[in-house]
Amino acid sequence: MFGEKVLVLDGAMGTVLKNKNIDKKFFNSTTSFEVLNITAEAEVKDVHREYIEAGADIIETNTFNCNSFSLKGTEFEDSIYKICKKGAEIAKEVAKNYGNRVLVAGSIGPTGVSLTQNSIVEEELRKSYREQIGGLIDGRVDLLLIETVYDYRNLKLALGVSEELFKNKRLNIPIIISFTCSEKGEIYSGESIQNIIKEIDNESIVGYGLNCVGMTQFIEKISDITSKKIIFYPNDIILKELDNNLENYIYNLLKKNYIHIIGGCCGTDSKYIGKIKKIVKTFNCNKIVK
């Protein structure tokens, strides 16, 4: 699916949609950008196109925060499956217009709850994951991206639900897991990323990595314990701090063969992805020449 070249992931969805100043009527009294899959499909498609035209090889569905906890008390609280399926279909439709070169990743965010701190919500979270992941699968995503993982029990539940759905639907979709961590290399429920990978690794999981943070030493540690694809997508604060050193920063990581997929997280846009694409394109061309 991924080949030998380094691939470029897209950037943020929510902040880009926010900057478009979309009429409040499309949010139907919610603060969820995911409902726009239903109410303002054209705006979501525009964001996907912007990223693809900037050079993204993988685009994410607009479903990061589509769960029962974020939609509770709104008219969309029973529409998780519908919103996620539609989000997948929108992304697939846009990607199709660019041939077969663009993959669609089903975005599954951390939900804002922690089973480690509040285990009584486990059944609600299980149901929410089942609807979210089920919608993404039925919308025909190419892979699932469980991202910004900060709670081990949440992750295990999401993986369990995914495997259950794969079995019931008689299919298998590649999974990539992206963590966010502290300076100690631990996610916020206290486990080290290395230990988690050792415990959960299976055939469905094709990659691991980090998002929202810029601590590349942990990318190196991940690459030391797995031969699977490594994904890395820092937020805009980290990229802005790098500024003129962005090219060296990314190119050095690529030369060490630490990263196979790179993109942007919170606050990034198509301009950042365009910059990253130029660096990756140069690296891929030099790699082929060698």
C-alpha atoms as a PDB file:
ATOM      1  CA  MET A   1       0.000   0.000   0.000  1.00  0.00           C
ATOM      2  CA  PHE A   2       2.719   2.484   0.976  1.00  0.00           C
ATOM      3  CA  GLY A   3       5.628   1.501  -1.232  1.00  0.00           C
ATOM      4  CA  GLU A   4       9.227   2.597  -0.692  1.00  0.00           C
ATOM      5  CA  LYS A   5       8.811   6.360  -1.039  1.00  0.00           C
ATOM      6  CA  VAL A   6       8.232   8.656   1.929  1.00  0.00           C
ATOM      7  CA  LEU A   7       4.602   9.794   1.879  1.00  0.00           C
ATOM      8  CA  VAL A   8       3.089  13.118   2.912  1.00  0.00           C
ATOM      9  CA  LEU A   9       0.093  13.244   5.225  1.00  0.00           C
ATOM     10  CA  ASP A  10      -2.233  16.239   5.197  1.00  0.00           C
ATOM     11  CA  GLY A  11      -2.517  18.845   7.975  1.00  0.00           C
ATOM     12  CA  ALA A  12      -5.203  20.001  10.375  1.00  0.00           C
ATOM     13  CA  MET A  13      -8.884  19.945   9.458  1.00  0.00           C
ATOM     14  CA  GLY A  14     -10.665  21.789  12.292  1.00  0.00           C
ATOM     15  CA  THR A  15      -8.505  24.904  12.352  1.00  0.00           C
ATOM     16  CA  VAL A  16      -8.631  25.222   8.560  1.00  0.00           C
ATOM     17  CA  LEU A  17     -12.425  24.956   8.589  1.00  0.00           C
ATOM     18  CA  LYS A  18     -12.535  27.486  11.428  1.00  0.00           C
ATOM     19  CA  ASN A  19     -10.508  29.968   9.406  1.00  0.00           C
ATOM     20  CA  LYS A  20     -13.034  29.734   6.585  1.00  0.00           C
ATOM     21  CA  ASN A  21     -15.563  31.559   8.797  1.00  0.00           C
ATOM     22  CA  ILE A  22     -18.359  29.177   7.846  1.00  0.00           C
ATOM     23  CA  ASP A  23     -21.848  30.433   8.661  1.00  0.00           C
ATOM     24  CA  LYS A  24     -22.962  29.363  12.155  1.00  0.00           C
ATOM     25  CA  LYS A  25     -26.184  27.937  10.756  1.00  0.00           C
ATOM     26  CA  PHE A  26     -24.222  24.961   9.384  1.00  0.00           C
ATOM     27  CA  PHE A  27     -23.137  23.982  12.893  1.00  0.00           C
ATOM     28  CA  ASN A  28     -26.740  23.659  14.142  1.00  0.00           C
ATOM     29  CA  SER A  29     -25.877  25.025  17.607  1.00  0.00           C
ATOM     30  CA  THR A  30     -22.861  22.712  18.023  1.00  0.00           C
ATOM     31  CA  THR A  31     -19.131  23.459  18.057  1.00  0.00           C
ATOM     32  CA  SER A  32     -18.318  20.291  16.115  1.00  0.00           C
ATOM     33  CA  PHE A  33     -16.562  20.641  12.771  1.00  0.00           C
ATOM     34  CA  GLU A  34     -17.442  17.012  12.055  1.00  0.00           C
ATOM     35  CA  VAL A  35     -21.141  17.837  11.574  1.00  0.00           C
ATOM     36  CA  LEU A  36     -20.108  19.810   8.486  1.00  0.00           C
ATOM     37  CA  ASN A  37     -19.819  16.432   6.734  1.00  0.00           C
ATOM     38  CA  ILE A  38     -23.618  16.501   6.753  1.00  0.00           C
ATOM     39  CA  THR A  39     -24.424  20.213   6.665  1.00  0.00           C
ATOM     40  CA  ALA A  40     -21.619  21.751   4.564  1.00  0.00           C
ATOM     41  CA  GLU A  41     -20.078  18.993   2.470  1.00  0.00           C
ATOM     42  CA  ALA A  42     -18.609  21.417  -0.082  1.00  0.00           C
ATOM     43  CA  GLU A  43     -16.487  23.156   2.564  1.00  0.00           C
ATOM     44  CA  VAL A  44     -14.999  19.856   3.722  1.00  0.00           C
ATOM     45  CA  LYS A  45     -14.265  18.834   0.135  1.00  0.00           C
ATOM     46  CA  ASP A  46     -12.439  22.132  -0.427  1.00  0.00           C
ATOM     47  CA  VAL A  47     -10.063  21.384   2.461  1.00  0.00           C
ATOM     48  CA  HIS A  48      -9.304  17.916   1.101  1.00  0.00           C
ATOM     49  CA  ARG A  49      -8.595  19.388  -2.351  1.00  0.00           C
ATOM     50  CA  GLU A  50      -6.294  22.053  -0.902  1.00  0.00           C
ATOM     51  CA  TYR A  51      -4.190  19.400   0.790  1.00  0.00           C
ATOM     52  CA  ILE A  52      -4.011  17.119  -2.222  1.00  0.00           C
ATOM     53  CA  GLU A  53      -3.039  19.989  -4.491  1.00  0.00           C
ATOM     54  CA  ALA A  54      -0.365  20.973  -1.966  1.00  0.00           C
ATOM     55  CA  GLY A  55       1.078  17.479  -2.308  1.00  0.00           C
ATOM     56  CA  ALA A  56      -0.594  15.236   0.282  1.00  0.00           C
ATOM     57  CA  ASP A  57      -0.433  11.520  -0.509  1.00  0.00           C
ATOM     58  CA  ILE A  58      -2.756  10.682   2.397  1.00  0.00           C
ATOM     59  CA  ILE A  59      -5.767  12.714   3.506  1.00  0.00           C
ATOM     60  CA  GLU A  60      -7.661  12.222   6.763  1.00  0.00           C
ATOM     61  CA  THR A  61     -11.407  12.113   7.136  1.00  0.00           C
ATOM     62  CA  ASN A  62     -13.112  14.935   9.008  1.00  0.00           C
ATOM     63  CA  THR A  63     -13.982  12.633  11.917  1.00  0.00           C
ATOM     64  CA  PHE A  64     -11.274  13.223  14.544  1.00  0.00           C
ATOM     65  CA  ASN A  65     -13.707  14.348  17.238  1.00  0.00           C
ATOM     66  CA  CYS A  66     -16.838  12.523  16.110  1.00  0.00           C
ATOM     67  CA  ASN A  67     -17.821  10.633  19.259  1.00  0.00           C
ATOM     68  CA  SER A  68     -20.643  10.430  21.761  1.00  0.00           C
ATOM     69  CA  PHE A  69     -18.853  12.636  24.293  1.00  0.00           C
ATOM     70  CA  SER A  70     -18.319  15.616  21.997  1.00  0.00           C
ATOM     71  CA  LEU A  71     -21.798  15.363  20.452  1.00  0.00           C
ATOM     72  CA  LYS A  72     -23.724  14.667  23.667  1.00  0.00           C
ATOM     73  CA  GLY A  73     -26.730  16.932  24.108  1.00  0.00           C
ATOM     74  CA  THR A  74     -26.813  17.953  20.445  1.00  0.00           C
ATOM     75  CA  GLU A  75     -29.161  16.865  17.676  1.00  0.00           C
ATOM     76  CA  PHE A  76     -26.277  14.829  16.255  1.00  0.00           C
ATOM     77  CA  GLU A  77     -25.580  12.635  19.280  1.00  0.00           C
ATOM     78  CA  ASP A  78     -27.196   9.638  17.555  1.00  0.00           C
ATOM     79  CA  SER A  79     -25.555  10.379  14.187  1.00  0.00           C
ATOM     80  CA  ILE A  80     -21.963   9.280  14.822  1.00  0.00           C
ATOM     81  CA  TYR A  81     -22.082   6.429  12.308  1.00  0.00           C
ATOM     82  CA  LYS A  82     -23.780   8.620   9.685  1.00  0.00           C
ATOM     83  CA  ILE A  83     -21.293  11.489  10.095  1.00  0.00           C
ATOM     84  CA  CYS A  84     -18.269   9.190   9.957  1.00  0.00           C
ATOM     85  CA  LYS A  85     -19.502   7.234   6.967  1.00  0.00           C
ATOM     86  CA  LYS A  86     -20.229  10.480   5.154  1.00  0.00           C
ATOM     87  CA  GLY A  87     -16.815  11.854   6.109  1.00  0.00           C
ATOM     88  CA  ALA A  88     -15.166   8.790   4.586  1.00  0.00           C
ATOM     89  CA  GLU A  89     -17.278   9.015   1.431  1.00  0.00           C
ATOM     90  CA  ILE A  90     -16.460  12.710   0.987  1.00  0.00           C
ATOM     91  CA  ALA A  91     -12.721  12.088   1.277  1.00  0.00           C
ATOM     92  CA  LYS A  92     -12.851   9.072  -1.042  1.00  0.00           C
ATOM     93  CA  GLU A  93     -14.802  11.044  -3.643  1.00  0.00           C
ATOM     94  CA  VAL A  94     -12.251  13.855  -3.656  1.00  0.00           C
ATOM     95  CA  ALA A  95      -9.304  11.434  -3.695  1.00  0.00           C
ATOM     96  CA  LYS A  96     -10.799   9.555  -6.652  1.00  0.00           C
ATOM     97  CA  ASN A  97     -10.588  12.692  -8.764  1.00  0.00           C
ATOM     98  CA  TYR A  98      -6.797  12.567  -8.427  1.00  0.00           C
ATOM     99  CA  GLY A  99      -6.401   8.991  -9.601  1.00  0.00           C
ATOM    100  CA  ASN A 100      -5.216   6.188  -7.386  1.00  0.00           C
ATOM    101  CA  ARG A 101      -2.324   8.050  -5.816  1.00  0.00           C
ATOM    102  CA  VAL A 102      -4.163   9.455  -2.765  1.00  0.00           C
ATOM    103  CA  LEU A 103      -5.046   7.273   0.231  1.00  0.00           C
ATOM    104  CA  VAL A 104      -7.807   8.073   2.729  1.00  0.00           C
ATOM    105  CA  ALA A 105      -7.146   7.558   6.431  1.00  0.00           C
ATOM    106  CA  GLY A 106     -10.084   7.288   8.807  1.00  0.00           C
ATOM    107  CA  SER A 107      -9.306   9.679  11.661  1.00  0.00           C
ATOM    108  CA  ILE A 108     -10.068   8.429  15.186  1.00  0.00           C
ATOM    109  CA  GLY A 109      -9.212  10.947  17.904  1.00  0.00           C
ATOM    110  CA  PRO A 110      -8.730  10.455  21.659  1.00  0.00           C
ATOM    111  CA  THR A 111     -12.359  11.422  22.564  1.00  0.00           C
ATOM    112  CA  GLY A 112     -11.488  13.677  25.501  1.00  0.00           C
ATOM    113  CA  VAL A 113     -12.168  10.934  28.071  1.00  0.00           C
ATOM    114  CA  SER A 114      -9.755   8.609  29.851  1.00  0.00           C
ATOM    115  CA  LEU A 115     -10.676   5.082  30.901  1.00  0.00           C
ATOM    116  CA  THR A 116      -7.666   5.106  33.199  1.00  0.00           C
ATOM    117  CA  GLN A 117      -9.238   7.947  35.170  1.00  0.00           C
ATOM    118  CA  ASN A 118     -12.911   7.097  34.640  1.00  0.00           C
ATOM    119  CA  SER A 119     -13.632   3.454  33.865  1.00  0.00           C
ATOM    120  CA  ILE A 120     -17.406   3.860  34.267  1.00  0.00           C
ATOM    121  CA  VAL A 121     -17.646   5.308  30.738  1.00  0.00           C
ATOM    122  CA  GLU A 122     -16.181   2.163  29.144  1.00  0.00           C
ATOM    123  CA  GLU A 123     -19.413   0.857  27.642  1.00  0.00           C
ATOM    124  CA  GLU A 124     -20.344   4.275  26.269  1.00  0.00           C
ATOM    125  CA  LEU A 125     -16.878   4.585  24.752  1.00  0.00           C
ATOM    126  CA  ARG A 126     -17.114   1.092  23.279  1.00  0.00           C
ATOM    127  CA  LYS A 127     -20.435   1.968  21.614  1.00  0.00           C
ATOM    128  CA  SER A 128     -19.007   5.271  20.377  1.00  0.00           C
ATOM    129  CA  TYR A 129     -15.944   3.577  18.862  1.00  0.00           C
ATOM    130  CA  ARG A 130     -18.150   0.950  17.255  1.00  0.00           C
ATOM    131  CA  GLU A 131     -20.219   3.632  15.510  1.00  0.00           C
ATOM    132  CA  GLN A 132     -17.246   5.801  14.562  1.00  0.00           C
ATOM    133  CA  ILE A 133     -15.022   3.008  13.261  1.00  0.00           C
ATOM    134  CA  GLY A 134     -17.976   1.189  11.697  1.00  0.00           C
ATOM    135  CA  GLY A 135     -18.901   4.313   9.739  1.00  0.00           C
ATOM    136  CA  LEU A 136     -15.336   4.774   8.527  1.00  0.00           C
ATOM    137  CA  ILE A 137     -15.092   1.159   7.403  1.00  0.00           C
ATOM    138  CA  ASP A 138     -18.426   1.269   5.590  1.00  0.00           C
ATOM    139  CA  GLY A 139     -17.353   4.546   3.961  1.00  0.00           C
ATOM    140  CA  ARG A 140     -14.426   2.564   2.473  1.00  0.00           C
ATOM    141  CA  VAL A 141     -11.393   4.252   4.027  1.00  0.00           C
ATOM    142  CA  ASP A 142      -8.031   2.793   3.007  1.00  0.00           C
ATOM    143  CA  LEU A 143      -6.677   2.699   6.541  1.00  0.00           C
ATOM    144  CA  LEU A 144      -7.558   3.644  10.113  1.00  0.00           C
ATOM    145  CA  LEU A 145      -5.478   6.248  11.959  1.00  0.00           C
ATOM    146  CA  ILE A 146      -5.921   6.069  15.732  1.00  0.00           C
ATOM    147  CA  GLU A 147      -4.239   9.322  16.676  1.00  0.00           C
ATOM    148  CA  THR A 148      -3.186  11.550  19.571  1.00  0.00           C
ATOM    149  CA  VAL A 149      -3.264   8.474  21.791  1.00  0.00           C
ATOM    150  CA  TYR A 150      -2.766   9.458  25.427  1.00  0.00           C
ATOM    151  CA  ASP A 151      -4.605   6.681  27.280  1.00  0.00           C
ATOM    152  CA  TYR A 152      -3.603   3.027  26.992  1.00  0.00           C
ATOM    153  CA  ARG A 153      -6.992   1.616  27.962  1.00  0.00           C
ATOM    154  CA  ASN A 154      -8.727   3.794  25.372  1.00  0.00           C
ATOM    155  CA  LEU A 155      -6.300   2.513  22.743  1.00  0.00           C
ATOM    156  CA  LYS A 156      -6.845  -1.130  23.670  1.00  0.00           C
ATOM    157  CA  LEU A 157     -10.601  -0.635  23.469  1.00  0.00           C
ATOM    158  CA  ALA A 158     -10.374   1.043  20.050  1.00  0.00           C
ATOM    159  CA  LEU A 159      -8.210  -1.795  18.762  1.00  0.00           C
ATOM    160  CA  GLY A 160     -10.563  -4.402  20.202  1.00  0.00           C
ATOM    161  CA  VAL A 161     -13.564  -2.783  18.547  1.00  0.00           C
ATOM    162  CA  SER A 162     -11.675  -2.556  15.240  1.00  0.00           C
ATOM    163  CA  GLU A 163     -10.775  -6.256  15.291  1.00  0.00           C
ATOM    164  CA  GLU A 164     -14.364  -7.153  16.200  1.00  0.00           C
ATOM    165  CA  LEU A 165     -15.682  -5.163  13.245  1.00  0.00           C
ATOM    166  CA  PHE A 166     -13.069  -6.658  10.904  1.00  0.00           C
ATOM    167  CA  LYS A 167     -14.204 -10.129  11.926  1.00  0.00           C
ATOM    168  CA  ASN A 168     -17.910  -9.352  11.563  1.00  0.00           C
ATOM    169  CA  LYS A 169     -17.441  -7.677   8.172  1.00  0.00           C
ATOM    170  CA  ARG A 170     -14.911 -10.279   6.980  1.00  0.00           C
ATOM    171  CA  LEU A 171     -12.260  -7.769   6.044  1.00  0.00           C
ATOM    172  CA  ASN A 172      -9.066  -6.277   7.353  1.00  0.00           C
ATOM    173  CA  ILE A 173      -7.995  -2.644   7.131  1.00  0.00           C
ATOM    174  CA  PRO A 174      -4.470  -1.471   7.985  1.00  0.00           C
ATOM    175  CA  ILE A 175      -4.165   0.457  11.245  1.00  0.00           C
ATOM    176  CA  ILE A 176      -1.636   3.155  12.122  1.00  0.00           C
ATOM    177  CA  ILE A 177      -1.309   4.317  15.727  1.00  0.00           C
ATOM    178  CA  SER A 178       0.048   7.758  16.582  1.00  0.00           C
ATOM    179  CA  PHE A 179       0.835   8.727  20.171  1.00  0.00           C
ATOM    180  CA  THR A 180       1.318  12.009  21.958  1.00  0.00           C
ATOM    181  CA  CYS A 181       3.703  11.893  24.880  1.00  0.00           C
ATOM    182  CA  SER A 182       5.517  13.712  27.670  1.00  0.00           C
ATOM    183  CA  GLU A 183       9.215  14.552  27.732  1.00  0.00           C
ATOM    184  CA  LYS A 184       9.761  11.178  29.416  1.00  0.00           C
ATOM    185  CA  GLY A 185       8.378   9.364  26.384  1.00  0.00           C
ATOM    186  CA  GLU A 186       5.277   8.274  28.265  1.00  0.00           C
ATOM    187  CA  ILE A 187       1.670   8.810  27.259  1.00  0.00           C
ATOM    188  CA  TYR A 188      -0.468  10.549  29.850  1.00  0.00           C
ATOM    189  CA  SER A 189      -1.832   7.359  31.418  1.00  0.00           C
ATOM    190  CA  GLY A 190       1.762   6.559  32.414  1.00  0.00           C
ATOM    191  CA  GLU A 191       2.946   3.872  29.998  1.00  0.00           C
ATOM    192  CA  SER A 192       6.021   4.170  27.777  1.00  0.00           C
ATOM    193  CA  ILE A 193       5.417   4.055  24.041  1.00  0.00           C
ATOM    194  CA  GLN A 194       7.935   1.250  23.621  1.00  0.00           C
ATOM    195  CA  ASN A 195       6.171  -0.987  26.142  1.00  0.00           C
ATOM    196  CA  ILE A 196       2.781  -0.314  24.574  1.00  0.00           C
ATOM    197  CA  ILE A 197       4.039  -1.285  21.122  1.00  0.00           C
ATOM    198  CA  LYS A 198       5.491  -4.526  22.472  1.00  0.00           C
ATOM    199  CA  GLU A 199       2.164  -5.399  24.115  1.00  0.00           C
ATOM    200  CA  ILE A 200      -0.315  -4.509  21.362  1.00  0.00           C
ATOM    201  CA  ASP A 201       1.534  -5.238  18.121  1.00  0.00           C
ATOM    202  CA  ASN A 202      -0.333  -7.450  15.651  1.00  0.00           C
ATOM    203  CA  GLU A 203      -0.683  -7.999  11.905  1.00  0.00           C
ATOM    204  CA  SER A 204      -3.403  -5.357  11.470  1.00  0.00           C
ATOM    205  CA  ILE A 205      -1.103  -2.609  12.754  1.00  0.00           C
ATOM    206  CA  VAL A 206       1.181  -1.411   9.957  1.00  0.00           C
ATOM    207  CA  GLY A 207       2.689   1.662  11.579  1.00  0.00           C
ATOM    208  CA  TYR A 208       3.364   3.685  14.721  1.00  0.00           C
ATOM    209  CA  GLY A 209       4.431   7.227  15.431  1.00  0.00           C
ATOM    210  CA  LEU A 210       3.914  10.588  17.088  1.00  0.00           C
ATOM    211  CA  ASN A 211       1.750  13.604  16.461  1.00  0.00           C
ATOM    212  CA  CYS A 212       1.328  17.040  18.015  1.00  0.00           C
ATOM    213  CA  VAL A 213       4.803  16.852  19.575  1.00  0.00           C
ATOM    214  CA  GLY A 214       8.274  17.405  18.150  1.00  0.00           C
ATOM    215  CA  MET A 215      10.430  15.148  20.311  1.00  0.00           C
ATOM    216  CA  THR A 216      12.200  13.247  17.578  1.00  0.00           C
ATOM    217  CA  GLN A 217      14.287  11.217  20.032  1.00  0.00           C
ATOM    218  CA  PHE A 218      11.193   9.121  20.652  1.00  0.00           C
ATOM    219  CA  ILE A 219      10.693   8.600  16.929  1.00  0.00           C
ATOM    220  CA  GLU A 220      14.192   7.119  16.942  1.00  0.00           C
ATOM    221  CA  LYS A 221      13.280   4.846  19.856  1.00  0.00           C
ATOM    222  CA  ILE A 222      10.151   3.652  18.089  1.00  0.00           C
ATOM    223  CA  SER A 223      12.151   2.854  14.966  1.00  0.00           C
ATOM    224  CA  ASP A 224      14.565   0.827  17.119  1.00  0.00           C
ATOM    225  CA  ILE A 225      11.864  -1.597  18.267  1.00  0.00           C
ATOM    226  CA  THR A 226       9.736  -2.044  15.143  1.00  0.00           C
ATOM    227  CA  SER A 227      10.276  -2.576  11.434  1.00  0.00           C
ATOM    228  CA  LYS A 228       6.837  -1.133  10.650  1.00  0.00           C
ATOM    229  CA  LYS A 229       6.156   2.249   9.071  1.00  0.00           C
ATOM    230  CA  ILE A 230       6.845   5.317  11.213  1.00  0.00           C
ATOM    231  CA  ILE A 231       4.564   8.352  11.051  1.00  0.00           C
ATOM    232  CA  PHE A 232       5.399  11.819  12.378  1.00  0.00           C
ATOM    233  CA  TYR A 233       3.291  14.962  12.202  1.00  0.00           C
ATOM    234  CA  PRO A 234       4.116  17.846  14.578  1.00  0.00           C
ATOM    235  CA  ASN A 235       1.846  20.810  15.248  1.00  0.00           C
ATOM    236  CA  ASP A 236       2.218  24.313  13.860  1.00  0.00           C
ATOM    237  CA  ILE A 237       3.943  25.673  16.979  1.00  0.00           C
ATOM    238  CA  ILE A 238       6.855  23.283  16.499  1.00  0.00           C
ATOM    239  CA  LEU A 239       7.019  23.969  12.766  1.00  0.00           C
ATOM    240  CA  LYS A 240       6.963  27.738  13.338  1.00  0.00           C
ATOM    241  CA  GLU A 241       9.789  27.463  15.863  1.00  0.00           C
ATOM    242  CA  LEU A 242      11.864  25.654  13.243  1.00  0.00           C
ATOM    243  CA  ASP A 243      11.034  28.232  10.576  1.00  0.00           C
ATOM    244  CA  ASN A 244      14.149  28.533   8.379  1.00  0.00           C
ATOM    245  CA  ASN A 245      15.564  25.288   9.766  1.00  0.00           C
ATOM    246  CA  LEU A 246      12.526  23.236   8.709  1.00  0.00           C
ATOM    247  CA  GLU A 247      14.242  21.735   5.672  1.00  0.00           C
ATOM    248  CA  ASN A 248      17.288  20.507   7.618  1.00  0.00           C
ATOM    249  CA  TYR A 249      15.123  19.233  10.468  1.00  0.00           C
ATOM    250  CA  ILE A 250      12.959  17.061   8.221  1.00  0.00           C
ATOM    251  CA  TYR A 251      15.688  16.049   5.771  1.00  0.00           C
ATOM    252  CA  ASN A 252      17.921  14.767   8.574  1.00  0.00           C
ATOM    253  CA  LEU A 253      15.102  12.587   9.903  1.00  0.00           C
ATOM    254  CA  LEU A 254      14.473  11.215   6.436  1.00  0.00           C
ATOM    255  CA  LYS A 255      18.166  10.482   5.823  1.00  0.00           C
ATOM    256  CA  LYS A 256      18.291   8.396   8.991  1.00  0.00           C
ATOM    257  CA  ASN A 257      15.332   6.398   7.668  1.00  0.00           C
ATOM    258  CA  TYR A 258      13.331   7.141  10.815  1.00  0.00           C
ATOM    259  CA  ILE A 259      10.204   8.376   9.035  1.00  0.00           C
ATOM    260  CA  HIS A 260       8.052   6.918   6.270  1.00  0.00           C
ATOM    261  CA  ILE A 261       5.020   9.237   6.551  1.00  0.00           C
ATOM    262  CA  ILE A 262       5.236  12.913   7.524  1.00  0.00           C
ATOM    263  CA  GLY A 263       2.645  15.683   7.750  1.00  0.00           C
ATOM    264  CA  GLY A 264       1.171  18.315  10.038  1.00  0.00           C
ATOM    265  CA  CYS A 265      -1.051  18.322  13.105  1.00  0.00           C
ATOM    266  CA  CYS A 266      -2.941  21.078  14.979  1.00  0.00           C
ATOM    267  CA  GLY A 267      -2.868  24.484  13.313  1.00  0.00           C
ATOM    268  CA  THR A 268      -1.080  23.402  10.136  1.00  0.00           C
ATOM    269  CA  ASP A 269      -2.509  24.120   6.705  1.00  0.00           C
ATOM    270  CA  SER A 270      -1.861  23.457   3.025  1.00  0.00           C
ATOM    271  CA  LYS A 271       1.049  25.939   2.990  1.00  0.00           C
ATOM    272  CA  TYR A 272       2.943  23.842   5.529  1.00  0.00           C
ATOM    273  CA  ILE A 273       2.118  20.668   3.657  1.00  0.00           C
ATOM    274  CA  GLY A 274       3.390  22.270   0.462  1.00  0.00           C
ATOM    275  CA  LYS A 275       6.724  23.062   2.163  1.00  0.00           C
ATOM    276  CA  ILE A 276       6.991  19.524   3.521  1.00  0.00           C
ATOM    277  CA  LYS A 277       6.153  18.068   0.108  1.00  0.00           C
ATOM    278  CA  LYS A 278       9.054  19.927  -1.523  1.00  0.00           C
ATOM    279  CA  ILE A 279      11.483  18.512   1.045  1.00  0.00           C
ATOM    280  CA  VAL A 280      10.100  14.983   0.714  1.00  0.00           C
ATOM    281  CA  LYS A 281      10.099  15.158  -3.080  1.00  0.00           C
ATOM    282  CA  THR A 282      13.768  16.143  -3.098  1.00  0.00           C
ATOM    283  CA  PHE A 283      14.589  13.304  -0.705  1.00  0.00           C
ATOM    284  CA  ASN A 284      12.636  10.725  -2.729  1.00  0.00           C
ATOM    285  CA  CYS A 285      14.312  11.835  -5.983  1.00  0.00           C
ATOM    286  CA  ASN A 286      17.794  11.638  -4.462  1.00  0.00           C
ATOM    287  CA  LYS A 287      16.968   8.217  -3.040  1.00  0.00           C
ATOM    288  CA  ILE A 288      15.956   6.941  -6.478  1.00  0.00           C
ATOM    289  CA  VAL A 289      19.090   8.377  -8.115  1.00  0.00           C
ATOM    290  CA  LYS A 290      21.293   6.615  -5.548  1.00  0.00           C
END
